[in-house]
C-alpha atoms as a PDB file:
ATOM      1  CA  MET A   1      -0.684  32.791  12.466  1.00  0.00           C
ATOM      2  CA  SER A   2      -3.037  31.850  16.046  1.00  0.00           C
ATOM      3  CA  ALA A   3      -1.400  31.820  19.426  1.00  0.00           C
ATOM      4  CA  GLY A   4      -2.662  27.928  19.649  1.00  0.00           C
ATOM      5  CA  TYR A   5      -1.057  27.065  16.303  1.00  0.00           C
ATOM      6  CA  ARG A   6       2.079  28.533  17.560  1.00  0.00           C
ATOM      7  CA  ALA A   7       1.931  26.717  20.446  1.00  0.00           C
ATOM      8  CA  VAL A   8       1.469  23.427  18.836  1.00  0.00           C
ATOM      9  CA  THR A   9       4.500  23.511  16.744  1.00  0.00           C
ATOM     10  CA  ALA A  10       6.261  24.604  19.650  1.00  0.00           C
ATOM     11  CA  PHE A  11       4.928  21.675  21.416  1.00  0.00           C
ATOM     12  CA  LEU A  12       5.859  19.375  18.446  1.00  0.00           C
ATOM     13  CA  LEU A  13       9.498  20.537  18.387  1.00  0.00           C
ATOM     14  CA  VAL A  14      10.136  20.858  21.819  1.00  0.00           C
ATOM     15  CA  SER A  15       9.077  17.245  22.186  1.00  0.00           C
ATOM     16  CA  TRP A  16      11.272  15.969  18.875  1.00  0.00           C
ATOM     17  CA  ILE A  17      14.233  17.536  20.471  1.00  0.00           C
ATOM     18  CA  ILE A  18      13.692  15.714  23.917  1.00  0.00           C
ATOM     19  CA  PHE A  19      12.924  12.314  22.046  1.00  0.00           C
ATOM     20  CA  TYR A  20      16.127  13.287  19.802  1.00  0.00           C
ATOM     21  CA  ILE A  21      18.189  13.831  22.931  1.00  0.00           C
ATOM     22  CA  LEU A  22      17.080  10.732  24.522  1.00  0.00           C
ATOM     23  CA  LEU A  23      18.090   8.583  21.628  1.00  0.00           C
ATOM     24  CA  ALA A  24      21.353  10.155  21.300  1.00  0.00           C
ATOM     25  CA  TRP A  25      22.113   9.477  24.760  1.00  0.00           C
ATOM     26  CA  TYR A  26      20.933   5.588  24.374  1.00  0.00           C
ATOM     27  CA  ILE A  27      22.591   5.232  21.447  1.00  0.00           C
ATOM     28  CA  GLY A  28      25.801   6.952  22.596  1.00  0.00           C
ATOM     29  CA  GLY A  29      25.970   4.465  25.523  1.00  0.00           C
ATOM     30  CA  PHE A  30      27.034   1.429  22.980  1.00  0.00           C
ATOM     31  CA  ILE A  31      30.322   3.506  22.358  1.00  0.00           C
ATOM     32  CA  PRO A  32      32.980   1.635  23.983  1.00  0.00           C
ATOM     33  CA  LEU A  33      35.186   3.952  26.262  1.00  0.00           C
ATOM     34  CA  ASP A  34      38.391   3.151  24.518  1.00  0.00           C
ATOM     35  CA  SER A  35      36.710   4.354  20.600  1.00  0.00           C
ATOM     36  CA  ASP A  36      38.090   7.750  20.315  1.00  0.00           C
ATOM     37  CA  PHE A  37      37.763   7.931  16.752  1.00  0.00           C
ATOM     38  CA  ILE A  38      34.022   6.815  16.698  1.00  0.00           C
ATOM     39  CA  GLU A  39      33.314   9.445  19.806  1.00  0.00           C
ATOM     40  CA  LEU A  40      34.851  12.395  17.338  1.00  0.00           C
ATOM     41  CA  ALA A  41      32.413  11.233  14.450  1.00  0.00           C
ATOM     42  CA  TYR A  42      29.253  10.486  16.700  1.00  0.00           C
ATOM     43  CA  TYR A  43      28.992  13.442  18.502  1.00  0.00           C
ATOM     44  CA  PRO A  44      29.032  16.339  16.178  1.00  0.00           C
ATOM     45  CA  VAL A  45      26.741  14.378  13.746  1.00  0.00           C
ATOM     46  CA  ALA A  46      24.465  13.418  16.321  1.00  0.00           C
ATOM     47  CA  GLY A  47      24.268  17.379  17.499  1.00  0.00           C
ATOM     48  CA  LEU A  48      23.360  18.233  14.019  1.00  0.00           C
ATOM     49  CA  ALA A  49      21.078  15.332  12.665  1.00  0.00           C
ATOM     50  CA  TRP A  50      17.908  16.801  14.941  1.00  0.00           C
ATOM     51  CA  ILE A  51      18.042  19.985  12.683  1.00  0.00           C
ATOM     52  CA  PRO A  52      16.213  18.374   9.288  1.00  0.00           C
ATOM     53  CA  ILE A  53      13.397  17.012  10.974  1.00  0.00           C
ATOM     54  CA  ALA A  54      12.926  20.291  12.895  1.00  0.00           C
ATOM     55  CA  ALA A  55      13.024  22.030   9.535  1.00  0.00           C
ATOM     56  CA  TRP A  56      10.733  19.565   7.946  1.00  0.00           C
ATOM     57  CA  ILE A  57       8.512  20.133  11.251  1.00  0.00           C
ATOM     58  CA  LEU A  58       8.265  23.669  10.725  1.00  0.00           C
ATOM     59  CA  LYS A  59       7.828  23.750   7.006  1.00  0.00           C
ATOM     60  CA  LYS A  60       4.776  21.665   7.043  1.00  0.00           C
ATOM     61  CA  ARG A  61       3.311  23.079   9.874  1.00  0.00           C
ATOM     62  CA  HIS A  62       3.635  26.874   7.611  1.00  0.00           C
ATOM     63  CA  ARG A  63       2.176  24.773   4.879  1.00  0.00           C
ATOM     64  CA  GLU A  64      -0.805  23.299   6.726  1.00  0.00           C
ATOM     65  CA  GLU A  65      -1.429  27.325   8.360  1.00  0.00           C
ATOM     66  CA  SER A  66      -1.393  28.637   4.622  1.00  0.00           C
END
């Protein structure tokens, strides 16, 4: 795998993570402050939901390289 290809893959992953953090922060702003149950459910799900897309990016880039 070339250095340029790794750099593009890293750029895509970092871009996705930044976009996801901003999106989760924005959506999290709509959670009412007195809703503990929603917060307990939202933040763990939001913390793990970025992983499938990141794995998909890695798999797609690996297939393109092969």
